[in-house]
């Protein structure tokens, strides 16, 4: 007997059964016979239906495993994203600090260069002033000397020639070797 035949017999059993008084949609059915027919259906279910149930069970199991794996992957991805964001924040902060340090170093370097240039200029001005003063002192001394030579009675018979600067020759130092 196939399933369609069993279902037809069940339908017939319901049609032949008597109705419950005052409730027409309820019927009194032979329970033993109905159980036999249901068991026959179970026994005669096609193999494909059994396999379909097995496949459905396997699908549910696979879906549950996939869901658990997906949740694990998402959790790991979120943790990795947090690490990357954290590292990126550290790198960004380090870059900001490096730029700040570089700017401060450049400013300090420019200030040092400016101060050094001002110091050199001041030293050159001081050296020039000292040199000019020395030249002025030499000129005055020379003028006094020429005035003294002109006004001296013993020296007036011989005209005075302007004094030429004398170049000093290096005198060898005693006890030290001279460079060659």
C-alpha atoms as a PDB file:
ATOM      1  CA  UNK A   1       0.000   0.000   0.000  1.00  0.00           C
ATOM      2  CA  UNK A   2       1.367   3.442  -0.906  1.00  0.00           C
ATOM      3  CA  UNK A   3       0.876   6.677   0.986  1.00  0.00           C
ATOM      4  CA  UNK A   4      -1.889   7.965  -1.262  1.00  0.00           C
ATOM      5  CA  UNK A   5      -3.910   4.790  -0.630  1.00  0.00           C
ATOM      6  CA  UNK A   6      -3.417   5.097   3.118  1.00  0.00           C
ATOM      7  CA  UNK A   7      -4.495   8.756   3.058  1.00  0.00           C
ATOM      8  CA  UNK A   8      -7.581   7.824   1.037  1.00  0.00           C
ATOM      9  CA  UNK A   9      -8.467   5.153   3.606  1.00  0.00           C
ATOM     10  CA  UNK A  10      -8.069   7.701   6.411  1.00  0.00           C
ATOM     11  CA  UNK A  11     -10.362  10.074   4.590  1.00  0.00           C
ATOM     12  CA  UNK A  12     -12.919   7.297   4.123  1.00  0.00           C
ATOM     13  CA  UNK A  13     -12.657   6.375   7.801  1.00  0.00           C
ATOM     14  CA  UNK A  14     -13.530   9.960   8.719  1.00  0.00           C
ATOM     15  CA  UNK A  15     -16.430  10.033   6.288  1.00  0.00           C
ATOM     16  CA  UNK A  16     -17.936   6.812   7.748  1.00  0.00           C
ATOM     17  CA  UNK A  17     -17.470   7.870  11.351  1.00  0.00           C
ATOM     18  CA  UNK A  18     -20.425   9.216  13.333  1.00  0.00           C
ATOM     19  CA  UNK A  19     -20.722  12.838  14.449  1.00  0.00           C
ATOM     20  CA  UNK A  20     -20.683  13.910  18.087  1.00  0.00           C
ATOM     21  CA  UNK A  21     -24.176  15.063  19.186  1.00  0.00           C
ATOM     22  CA  UNK A  22     -24.640  18.845  19.078  1.00  0.00           C
ATOM     23  CA  UNK A  23     -21.212  19.315  17.384  1.00  0.00           C
ATOM     24  CA  UNK A  24     -21.318  18.437  13.726  1.00  0.00           C
ATOM     25  CA  UNK A  25     -17.702  19.075  12.933  1.00  0.00           C
ATOM     26  CA  UNK A  26     -16.461  16.514  15.479  1.00  0.00           C
ATOM     27  CA  UNK A  27     -16.474  12.810  14.694  1.00  0.00           C
ATOM     28  CA  UNK A  28     -15.974   9.594  16.612  1.00  0.00           C
ATOM     29  CA  UNK A  29     -13.229   7.627  14.934  1.00  0.00           C
ATOM     30  CA  UNK A  30     -11.803   4.170  15.503  1.00  0.00           C
ATOM     31  CA  UNK A  31      -8.563   5.158  17.239  1.00  0.00           C
ATOM     32  CA  UNK A  32      -6.884   1.776  16.749  1.00  0.00           C
ATOM     33  CA  UNK A  33      -7.473   1.817  13.022  1.00  0.00           C
ATOM     34  CA  UNK A  34      -6.309   5.489  12.756  1.00  0.00           C
ATOM     35  CA  UNK A  35      -3.056   4.599  14.562  1.00  0.00           C
ATOM     36  CA  UNK A  36      -2.458   1.678  12.232  1.00  0.00           C
ATOM     37  CA  UNK A  37      -2.905   3.927   9.219  1.00  0.00           C
ATOM     38  CA  UNK A  38      -0.555   6.591  10.641  1.00  0.00           C
ATOM     39  CA  UNK A  39       2.072   3.927  11.332  1.00  0.00           C
ATOM     40  CA  UNK A  40       1.640   2.636   7.797  1.00  0.00           C
ATOM     41  CA  UNK A  41       2.280   6.152   6.491  1.00  0.00           C
ATOM     42  CA  UNK A  42       5.427   6.415   8.547  1.00  0.00           C
ATOM     43  CA  UNK A  43       6.619   3.068   7.288  1.00  0.00           C
ATOM     44  CA  UNK A  44       5.822   3.910   3.693  1.00  0.00           C
ATOM     45  CA  UNK A  45       7.306   7.393   3.609  1.00  0.00           C
ATOM     46  CA  UNK A  46       9.548   7.664   0.585  1.00  0.00           C
ATOM     47  CA  UNK A  47      13.289   7.484   1.189  1.00  0.00           C
ATOM     48  CA  UNK A  48      13.619  10.992  -0.287  1.00  0.00           C
ATOM     49  CA  UNK A  49      11.496  12.422   2.525  1.00  0.00           C
ATOM     50  CA  UNK A  50      13.693  10.762   5.143  1.00  0.00           C
ATOM     51  CA  UNK A  51      16.767  12.083   3.391  1.00  0.00           C
ATOM     52  CA  UNK A  52      15.178  15.523   3.142  1.00  0.00           C
ATOM     53  CA  UNK A  53      14.614  15.524   6.911  1.00  0.00           C
ATOM     54  CA  UNK A  54      18.190  14.421   7.447  1.00  0.00           C
ATOM     55  CA  UNK A  55      19.399  17.162   5.068  1.00  0.00           C
ATOM     56  CA  UNK A  56      17.241  19.718   6.870  1.00  0.00           C
ATOM     57  CA  UNK A  57      18.760  18.636  10.196  1.00  0.00           C
ATOM     58  CA  UNK A  58      22.285  18.848   8.724  1.00  0.00           C
ATOM     59  CA  UNK A  59      21.514  22.277   7.271  1.00  0.00           C
ATOM     60  CA  UNK A  60      20.374  23.535  10.670  1.00  0.00           C
ATOM     61  CA  UNK A  61      23.520  22.143  12.274  1.00  0.00           C
ATOM     62  CA  UNK A  62      25.742  23.716   9.579  1.00  0.00           C
ATOM     63  CA  UNK A  63      23.937  27.049   9.880  1.00  0.00           C
ATOM     64  CA  UNK A  64      24.411  27.027  13.649  1.00  0.00           C
ATOM     65  CA  UNK A  65      28.117  26.225  13.275  1.00  0.00           C
ATOM     66  CA  UNK A  66      28.474  28.936  10.610  1.00  0.00           C
ATOM     67  CA  UNK A  67      26.733  31.434  12.889  1.00  0.00           C
ATOM     68  CA  UNK A  68      29.109  30.585  15.753  1.00  0.00           C
ATOM     69  CA  UNK A  69      32.129  30.852  13.411  1.00  0.00           C
ATOM     70  CA  UNK A  70      30.857  34.135  11.987  1.00  0.00           C
ATOM     71  CA  UNK A  71      30.418  35.565  15.482  1.00  0.00           C
ATOM     72  CA  UNK A  72      33.992  34.524  16.317  1.00  0.00           C
ATOM     73  CA  UNK A  73      35.321  36.117  13.128  1.00  0.00           C
ATOM     74  CA  UNK A  74      33.379  39.319  13.807  1.00  0.00           C
ATOM     75  CA  UNK A  75      34.702  39.437  17.381  1.00  0.00           C
ATOM     76  CA  UNK A  76      38.290  38.931  16.185  1.00  0.00           C
ATOM     77  CA  UNK A  77      37.814  41.558  13.455  1.00  0.00           C
ATOM     78  CA  UNK A  78      36.491  44.075  15.975  1.00  0.00           C
ATOM     79  CA  UNK A  79      39.452  43.403  18.279  1.00  0.00           C
ATOM     80  CA  UNK A  80      41.884  43.819  15.363  1.00  0.00           C
ATOM     81  CA  UNK A  81      40.145  47.018  14.281  1.00  0.00           C
ATOM     82  CA  UNK A  82      40.491  48.383  17.811  1.00  0.00           C
ATOM     83  CA  UNK A  83      44.202  47.515  17.783  1.00  0.00           C
ATOM     84  CA  UNK A  84      44.682  49.210  14.418  1.00  0.00           C
ATOM     85  CA  UNK A  85      42.796  52.317  15.566  1.00  0.00           C
ATOM     86  CA  UNK A  86      44.847  52.355  18.757  1.00  0.00           C
ATOM     87  CA  UNK A  87      48.121  52.018  16.824  1.00  0.00           C
ATOM     88  CA  UNK A  88      47.002  54.654  14.334  1.00  0.00           C
ATOM     89  CA  UNK A  89      46.258  57.052  17.191  1.00  0.00           C
ATOM     90  CA  UNK A  90      49.725  56.408  18.637  1.00  0.00           C
ATOM     91  CA  UNK A  91      51.375  56.961  15.244  1.00  0.00           C
ATOM     92  CA  UNK A  92      49.373  60.151  14.671  1.00  0.00           C
ATOM     93  CA  UNK A  93      50.344  61.459  18.112  1.00  0.00           C
ATOM     94  CA  UNK A  94      53.991  60.546  17.513  1.00  0.00           C
ATOM     95  CA  UNK A  95      53.945  62.379  14.157  1.00  0.00           C
ATOM     96  CA  UNK A  96      52.440  65.464  15.828  1.00  0.00           C
ATOM     97  CA  UNK A  97      55.123  65.374  18.522  1.00  0.00           C
ATOM     98  CA  UNK A  98      57.861  64.901  15.917  1.00  0.00           C
ATOM     99  CA  UNK A  99      56.588  67.896  13.920  1.00  0.00           C
ATOM    100  CA  UNK A 100      56.405  69.958  17.116  1.00  0.00           C
ATOM    101  CA  UNK A 101      59.953  68.966  18.135  1.00  0.00           C
ATOM    102  CA  UNK A 102      61.228  69.724  14.618  1.00  0.00           C
ATOM    103  CA  UNK A 103      59.563  73.148  14.630  1.00  0.00           C
ATOM    104  CA  UNK A 104      61.017  73.934  18.047  1.00  0.00           C
ATOM    105  CA  UNK A 105      64.475  72.788  16.913  1.00  0.00           C
ATOM    106  CA  UNK A 106      64.233  74.897  13.749  1.00  0.00           C
ATOM    107  CA  UNK A 107      63.147  77.934  15.778  1.00  0.00           C
ATOM    108  CA  UNK A 108      65.945  77.371  18.303  1.00  0.00           C
ATOM    109  CA  UNK A 109      68.449  76.929  15.461  1.00  0.00           C
ATOM    110  CA  UNK A 110      67.283  80.129  13.776  1.00  0.00           C
ATOM    111  CA  UNK A 111      67.540  81.987  17.102  1.00  0.00           C
ATOM    112  CA  UNK A 112      71.043  80.603  17.670  1.00  0.00           C
ATOM    113  CA  UNK A 113      72.114  81.621  14.169  1.00  0.00           C
ATOM    114  CA  UNK A 114      70.641  85.085  14.666  1.00  0.00           C
ATOM    115  CA  UNK A 115      72.313  85.491  18.062  1.00  0.00           C
ATOM    116  CA  UNK A 116      75.622  84.199  16.681  1.00  0.00           C
ATOM    117  CA  UNK A 117      75.434  86.627  13.741  1.00  0.00           C
ATOM    118  CA  UNK A 118      74.624  89.508  16.095  1.00  0.00           C
ATOM    119  CA  UNK A 119      77.520  88.519  18.370  1.00  0.00           C
ATOM    120  CA  UNK A 120      79.952  88.307  15.441  1.00  0.00           C
ATOM    121  CA  UNK A 121      78.730  91.670  14.124  1.00  0.00           C
ATOM    122  CA  UNK A 122      79.186  93.207  17.564  1.00  0.00           C
ATOM    123  CA  UNK A 123      82.678  91.728  17.899  1.00  0.00           C
ATOM    124  CA  UNK A 124      83.586  93.043  14.443  1.00  0.00           C
ATOM    125  CA  UNK A 125      82.229  96.486  15.368  1.00  0.00           C
ATOM    126  CA  UNK A 126      84.216  96.403  18.620  1.00  0.00           C
ATOM    127  CA  UNK A 127      87.364  95.261  16.778  1.00  0.00           C
ATOM    128  CA  UNK A 128      86.876  97.998  14.157  1.00  0.00           C
ATOM    129  CA  UNK A 129      86.381 100.624  16.870  1.00  0.00           C
ATOM    130  CA  UNK A 130      89.488  99.425  18.708  1.00  0.00           C
ATOM    131  CA  UNK A 131      91.449  99.391  15.448  1.00  0.00           C
ATOM    132  CA  UNK A 132      90.241 102.905  14.543  1.00  0.00           C
ATOM    133  CA  UNK A 133      91.133 104.157  18.032  1.00  0.00           C
ATOM    134  CA  UNK A 134      94.578 102.571  17.744  1.00  0.00           C
ATOM    135  CA  UNK A 135      95.090 104.167  14.315  1.00  0.00           C
ATOM    136  CA  UNK A 136      93.989 107.513  15.717  1.00  0.00           C
ATOM    137  CA  UNK A 137      96.368 107.135  18.659  1.00  0.00           C
ATOM    138  CA  UNK A 138      99.206 106.235  16.255  1.00  0.00           C
ATOM    139  CA  UNK A 139      98.365 109.209  14.037  1.00  0.00           C
ATOM    140  CA  UNK A 140      98.373 111.611  17.022  1.00  0.00           C
ATOM    141  CA  UNK A 141     101.609 110.173  18.320  1.00  0.00           C
ATOM    142  CA  UNK A 142     103.147 110.510  14.858  1.00  0.00           C
ATOM    143  CA  UNK A 143     101.936 114.111  14.590  1.00  0.00           C
ATOM    144  CA  UNK A 144     103.366 114.917  18.032  1.00  0.00           C
ATOM    145  CA  UNK A 145     106.630 113.334  17.060  1.00  0.00           C
ATOM    146  CA  UNK A 146     106.792 115.288  13.801  1.00  0.00           C
ATOM    147  CA  UNK A 147     105.878 118.464  15.663  1.00  0.00           C
ATOM    148  CA  UNK A 148     108.612 117.738  18.214  1.00  0.00           C
ATOM    149  CA  UNK A 149     111.126 117.065  15.448  1.00  0.00           C
ATOM    150  CA  UNK A 150     110.230 120.291  13.631  1.00  0.00           C
ATOM    151  CA  UNK A 151     110.356 122.398  16.747  1.00  0.00           C
ATOM    152  CA  UNK A 152     113.582 120.939  18.132  1.00  0.00           C
ATOM    153  CA  UNK A 153     116.541 123.373  17.542  1.00  0.00           C
ATOM    154  CA  UNK A 154     119.030 120.578  17.128  1.00  0.00           C
ATOM    155  CA  UNK A 155     117.018 118.885  14.430  1.00  0.00           C
ATOM    156  CA  UNK A 156     115.813 121.871  12.404  1.00  0.00           C
ATOM    157  CA  UNK A 157     118.939 121.980  10.214  1.00  0.00           C
ATOM    158  CA  UNK A 158     118.155 118.575   8.814  1.00  0.00           C
ATOM    159  CA  UNK A 159     114.712 118.217   7.326  1.00  0.00           C
ATOM    160  CA  UNK A 160     112.747 115.273   8.706  1.00  0.00           C
ATOM    161  CA  UNK A 161     111.798 112.549   6.374  1.00  0.00           C
ATOM    162  CA  UNK A 162     108.445 110.888   7.003  1.00  0.00           C
ATOM    163  CA  UNK A 163     108.863 107.775   9.020  1.00  0.00           C
ATOM    164  CA  UNK A 164     108.327 104.617   7.033  1.00  0.00           C
ATOM    165  CA  UNK A 165     106.820 101.641   8.801  1.00  0.00           C
ATOM    166  CA  UNK A 166     109.452  99.097   9.716  1.00  0.00           C
ATOM    167  CA  UNK A 167     108.719  95.485   9.028  1.00  0.00           C
ATOM    168  CA  UNK A 168     109.738  93.258  11.827  1.00  0.00           C
ATOM    169  CA  UNK A 169     111.699  90.214  10.992  1.00  0.00           C
ATOM    170  CA  UNK A 170     111.058  87.159  13.001  1.00  0.00           C
ATOM    171  CA  UNK A 171     113.738  86.608  15.561  1.00  0.00           C
ATOM    172  CA  UNK A 172     114.637  82.987  16.202  1.00  0.00           C
ATOM    173  CA  UNK A 173     113.449  81.847  19.566  1.00  0.00           C
ATOM    174  CA  UNK A 174     116.172  80.616  21.830  1.00  0.00           C
ATOM    175  CA  UNK A 175     116.063  76.929  22.654  1.00  0.00           C
ATOM    176  CA  UNK A 176     113.218  76.176  20.208  1.00  0.00           C
ATOM    177  CA  UNK A 177     113.420  74.728  16.785  1.00  0.00           C
ATOM    178  CA  UNK A 178     112.293  76.948  13.935  1.00  0.00           C
ATOM    179  CA  UNK A 179     109.738  75.569  11.519  1.00  0.00           C
ATOM    180  CA  UNK A 180     111.135  74.703   8.128  1.00  0.00           C
END
